[in-house]
Amino acid sequence: MKNINHIKKSSLLKVVKENYYDVRLLENEFEDFLEHHQMFMKKDTIERHIKDKNNQNINQFILRKEMKYLDELLTHKEEQLKK
């Protein structure tokens, strides 16, 4: 069994943390998500919904969770339209 301190100090963990908490990277991911689903015009609506749902608080975890949820729904919708 590995020592947990070794894992905490690992460079890979540091890179993952930096990428996960990087606000600019997250904004780019969100914009790419919106562009992919052709919903860029609804960015404000989506952000407002997330804020309303989470007491005016949007953090990295919440935004990524919402993007995953919306992506699943929109992908399913696109697949249904192709049939």
N, C-alpha and C. Protein backbone atom coordinates (compact mmCIF):
# COMPACT_ATOMS: atom_id res chain seq x y z
N MET A 1 0.84 -1.18 0.00
CA MET A 1 0.00 0.00 0.00
C MET A 1 0.89 1.24 0.00
N LYS A 2 0.53 2.19 -0.85
CA LYS A 2 1.33 3.41 -0.97
C LYS A 2 1.03 4.38 0.16
N ASN A 3 2.03 5.12 0.48
CA ASN A 3 1.89 6.16 1.48
C ASN A 3 1.07 7.31 0.90
N ILE A 4 0.04 7.74 1.60
CA ILE A 4 -0.85 8.79 1.11
C ILE A 4 -0.11 10.11 0.90
N ASN A 5 0.91 10.37 1.67
CA ASN A 5 1.69 11.60 1.50
C ASN A 5 2.40 11.61 0.16
N HIS A 6 2.82 10.44 -0.26
CA HIS A 6 3.47 10.33 -1.58
C HIS A 6 2.49 10.74 -2.68
N ILE A 7 1.26 10.30 -2.56
CA ILE A 7 0.23 10.64 -3.55
C ILE A 7 -0.08 12.13 -3.50
N LYS A 8 -0.20 12.69 -2.31
CA LYS A 8 -0.51 14.11 -2.17
C LYS A 8 0.56 14.99 -2.79
N LYS A 9 1.80 14.54 -2.75
CA LYS A 9 2.91 15.33 -3.25
C LYS A 9 3.22 15.06 -4.71
N SER A 10 2.54 14.11 -5.30
CA SER A 10 2.87 13.73 -6.67
C SER A 10 2.62 14.88 -7.65
N SER A 11 3.44 14.94 -8.65
CA SER A 11 3.31 16.02 -9.64
C SER A 11 2.04 15.84 -10.46
N LEU A 12 1.62 14.60 -10.68
CA LEU A 12 0.39 14.36 -11.43
C LEU A 12 -0.82 14.94 -10.70
N LEU A 13 -0.86 14.75 -9.41
CA LEU A 13 -1.97 15.30 -8.62
C LEU A 13 -1.97 16.83 -8.69
N LYS A 14 -0.80 17.42 -8.64
CA LYS A 14 -0.70 18.87 -8.73
C LYS A 14 -1.20 19.37 -10.07
N VAL A 15 -0.86 18.67 -11.13
CA VAL A 15 -1.31 19.06 -12.47
C VAL A 15 -2.82 18.94 -12.57
N VAL A 16 -3.37 17.85 -12.05
CA VAL A 16 -4.83 17.65 -12.08
C VAL A 16 -5.52 18.76 -11.31
N LYS A 17 -5.02 19.09 -10.13
CA LYS A 17 -5.62 20.16 -9.33
C LYS A 17 -5.55 21.50 -10.06
N GLU A 18 -4.39 21.80 -10.64
CA GLU A 18 -4.23 23.06 -11.35
C GLU A 18 -5.21 23.16 -12.52
N ASN A 19 -5.36 22.08 -13.24
CA ASN A 19 -6.27 22.08 -14.39
C ASN A 19 -7.72 22.14 -13.94
N TYR A 20 -8.06 21.43 -12.88
CA TYR A 20 -9.43 21.39 -12.42
C TYR A 20 -9.88 22.75 -11.88
N TYR A 21 -9.00 23.44 -11.19
CA TYR A 21 -9.36 24.70 -10.57
C TYR A 21 -9.01 25.93 -11.40
N ASP A 22 -8.47 25.72 -12.57
CA ASP A 22 -8.11 26.84 -13.45
C ASP A 22 -9.38 27.45 -14.04
N VAL A 23 -9.68 28.66 -13.63
CA VAL A 23 -10.92 29.33 -14.04
C VAL A 23 -10.94 29.59 -15.53
N ARG A 24 -9.82 30.01 -16.10
CA ARG A 24 -9.77 30.27 -17.54
C ARG A 24 -10.01 28.99 -18.34
N LEU A 25 -9.42 27.91 -17.90
CA LEU A 25 -9.62 26.64 -18.57
C LEU A 25 -11.08 26.22 -18.50
N LEU A 26 -11.68 26.39 -17.35
CA LEU A 26 -13.09 26.05 -17.19
C LEU A 26 -13.98 26.92 -18.08
N GLU A 27 -13.69 28.20 -18.16
CA GLU A 27 -14.46 29.08 -19.04
C GLU A 27 -14.35 28.62 -20.49
N ASN A 28 -13.16 28.22 -20.90
CA ASN A 28 -12.97 27.71 -22.26
C ASN A 28 -13.74 26.41 -22.48
N GLU A 29 -13.72 25.54 -21.49
CA GLU A 29 -14.49 24.29 -21.59
C GLU A 29 -15.98 24.59 -21.73
N PHE A 30 -16.46 25.53 -20.95
CA PHE A 30 -17.88 25.89 -20.99
C PHE A 30 -18.24 26.48 -22.35
N GLU A 31 -17.41 27.35 -22.86
CA GLU A 31 -17.67 27.94 -24.18
C GLU A 31 -17.59 26.89 -25.28
N ASP A 32 -16.66 25.96 -25.18
CA ASP A 32 -16.58 24.86 -26.15
C ASP A 32 -17.82 23.99 -26.08
N PHE A 33 -18.28 23.75 -24.88
CA PHE A 33 -19.50 22.97 -24.68
C PHE A 33 -20.69 23.65 -25.35
N LEU A 34 -20.82 24.94 -25.11
CA LEU A 34 -21.92 25.70 -25.70
C LEU A 34 -21.83 25.72 -27.22
N GLU A 35 -20.64 25.89 -27.72
CA GLU A 35 -20.44 25.91 -29.16
C GLU A 35 -20.77 24.55 -29.78
N HIS A 36 -20.32 23.50 -29.13
CA HIS A 36 -20.57 22.14 -29.63
C HIS A 36 -22.07 21.87 -29.77
N HIS A 37 -22.82 22.33 -28.81
CA HIS A 37 -24.27 22.10 -28.82
C HIS A 37 -25.04 23.26 -29.46
N GLN A 38 -24.32 24.19 -30.05
CA GLN A 38 -24.92 25.34 -30.72
C GLN A 38 -25.86 26.10 -29.79
N MET A 39 -25.39 26.36 -28.60
CA MET A 39 -26.20 27.03 -27.59
C MET A 39 -25.52 28.26 -27.03
N PHE A 40 -24.59 28.80 -27.76
CA PHE A 40 -23.83 29.94 -27.25
C PHE A 40 -24.74 31.13 -26.93
N MET A 41 -25.79 31.26 -27.69
CA MET A 41 -26.72 32.37 -27.46
C MET A 41 -27.47 32.22 -26.12
N LYS A 42 -27.46 31.04 -25.56
CA LYS A 42 -28.17 30.77 -24.31
C LYS A 42 -27.24 30.73 -23.09
N LYS A 43 -26.03 31.19 -23.27
CA LYS A 43 -25.04 31.15 -22.19
C LYS A 43 -25.56 31.84 -20.93
N ASP A 44 -26.10 33.04 -21.06
CA ASP A 44 -26.61 33.79 -19.91
C ASP A 44 -27.76 33.05 -19.23
N THR A 45 -28.63 32.46 -20.02
CA THR A 45 -29.76 31.72 -19.47
C THR A 45 -29.28 30.53 -18.65
N ILE A 46 -28.30 29.80 -19.19
CA ILE A 46 -27.76 28.64 -18.48
C ILE A 46 -27.06 29.08 -17.20
N GLU A 47 -26.25 30.12 -17.28
CA GLU A 47 -25.56 30.60 -16.08
C GLU A 47 -26.55 31.08 -15.02
N ARG A 48 -27.58 31.77 -15.45
CA ARG A 48 -28.60 32.26 -14.52
C ARG A 48 -29.31 31.08 -13.84
N HIS A 49 -29.61 30.06 -14.61
CA HIS A 49 -30.27 28.87 -14.06
C HIS A 49 -29.37 28.19 -13.02
N ILE A 50 -28.10 28.05 -13.33
CA ILE A 50 -27.17 27.42 -12.40
C ILE A 50 -27.06 28.25 -11.11
N LYS A 51 -27.00 29.57 -11.25
CA LYS A 51 -26.94 30.44 -10.07
C LYS A 51 -28.21 30.32 -9.23
N ASP A 52 -29.36 30.34 -9.89
CA ASP A 52 -30.63 30.23 -9.16
C ASP A 52 -30.72 28.90 -8.42
N LYS A 53 -30.24 27.89 -9.05
CA LYS A 53 -30.31 26.54 -8.49
C LYS A 53 -29.34 26.36 -7.33
N ASN A 54 -28.28 27.15 -7.29
CA ASN A 54 -27.22 26.96 -6.30
C ASN A 54 -26.97 28.21 -5.46
N ASN A 55 -28.01 28.92 -5.13
CA ASN A 55 -27.91 30.10 -4.25
C ASN A 55 -26.90 31.12 -4.75
N GLN A 56 -26.96 31.42 -6.02
CA GLN A 56 -26.09 32.42 -6.66
C GLN A 56 -24.61 32.04 -6.63
N ASN A 57 -24.33 30.79 -6.43
CA ASN A 57 -22.94 30.33 -6.33
C ASN A 57 -22.62 29.38 -7.49
N ILE A 58 -21.60 29.73 -8.26
CA ILE A 58 -21.11 28.83 -9.29
C ILE A 58 -19.64 28.58 -9.00
N ASN A 59 -19.30 27.33 -8.78
CA ASN A 59 -17.90 26.98 -8.61
C ASN A 59 -17.53 25.93 -9.67
N GLN A 60 -16.30 25.50 -9.67
CA GLN A 60 -15.83 24.58 -10.70
C GLN A 60 -16.60 23.27 -10.68
N PHE A 61 -16.83 22.74 -9.51
CA PHE A 61 -17.53 21.47 -9.39
C PHE A 61 -18.96 21.57 -9.93
N ILE A 62 -19.65 22.60 -9.51
CA ILE A 62 -21.05 22.78 -9.91
C ILE A 62 -21.16 22.97 -11.42
N LEU A 63 -20.32 23.81 -11.98
CA LEU A 63 -20.39 24.06 -13.42
C LEU A 63 -20.08 22.79 -14.21
N ARG A 64 -19.06 22.06 -13.82
CA ARG A 64 -18.74 20.81 -14.53
C ARG A 64 -19.87 19.79 -14.40
N LYS A 65 -20.47 19.73 -13.24
CA LYS A 65 -21.59 18.80 -13.02
C LYS A 65 -22.77 19.17 -13.92
N GLU A 66 -23.08 20.44 -13.99
CA GLU A 66 -24.18 20.90 -14.84
C GLU A 66 -23.87 20.67 -16.33
N MET A 67 -22.63 20.90 -16.72
CA MET A 67 -22.25 20.67 -18.12
C MET A 67 -22.40 19.18 -18.46
N LYS A 68 -22.02 18.32 -17.55
CA LYS A 68 -22.16 16.88 -17.79
C LYS A 68 -23.64 16.51 -17.94
N TYR A 69 -24.46 17.03 -17.05
CA TYR A 69 -25.89 16.76 -17.09
C TYR A 69 -26.51 17.25 -18.40
N LEU A 70 -26.22 18.48 -18.76
CA LEU A 70 -26.76 19.05 -19.99
C LEU A 70 -26.22 18.32 -21.23
N ASP A 71 -24.98 17.95 -21.19
CA ASP A 71 -24.39 17.24 -22.32
C ASP A 71 -25.11 15.91 -22.57
N GLU A 72 -25.40 15.18 -21.50
CA GLU A 72 -26.12 13.92 -21.64
C GLU A 72 -27.50 14.14 -22.25
N LEU A 73 -28.20 15.15 -21.78
CA LEU A 73 -29.54 15.44 -22.30
C LEU A 73 -29.49 15.87 -23.77
N LEU A 74 -28.60 16.78 -24.06
CA LEU A 74 -28.52 17.30 -25.43
C LEU A 74 -28.02 16.25 -26.41
N THR A 75 -27.10 15.43 -25.99
CA THR A 75 -26.61 14.35 -26.85
C THR A 75 -27.73 13.36 -27.13
N HIS A 76 -28.49 13.04 -26.12
CA HIS A 76 -29.63 12.14 -26.30
C HIS A 76 -30.64 12.75 -27.28
N LYS A 77 -30.91 14.00 -27.12
CA LYS A 77 -31.85 14.70 -28.01
C LYS A 77 -31.35 14.67 -29.45
N GLU A 78 -30.07 14.93 -29.64
CA GLU A 78 -29.49 14.90 -31.00
C GLU A 78 -29.60 13.50 -31.61
N GLU A 79 -29.37 12.48 -30.80
CA GLU A 79 -29.47 11.11 -31.29
C GLU A 79 -30.90 10.78 -31.68
N GLN A 80 -31.85 11.26 -30.90
CA GLN A 80 -33.25 11.02 -31.22
C GLN A 80 -33.68 11.71 -32.50
N LEU A 81 -33.15 12.87 -32.74
CA LEU A 81 -33.49 13.62 -33.96
C LEU A 81 -32.91 12.96 -35.21
N LYS A 82 -31.82 12.25 -35.05
CA LYS A 82 -31.20 11.58 -36.20
C LYS A 82 -31.99 10.37 -36.64
N LYS A 83 -32.79 9.81 -35.76
CA LYS A 83 -33.56 8.61 -36.10
C LYS A 83 -34.72 8.89 -37.00
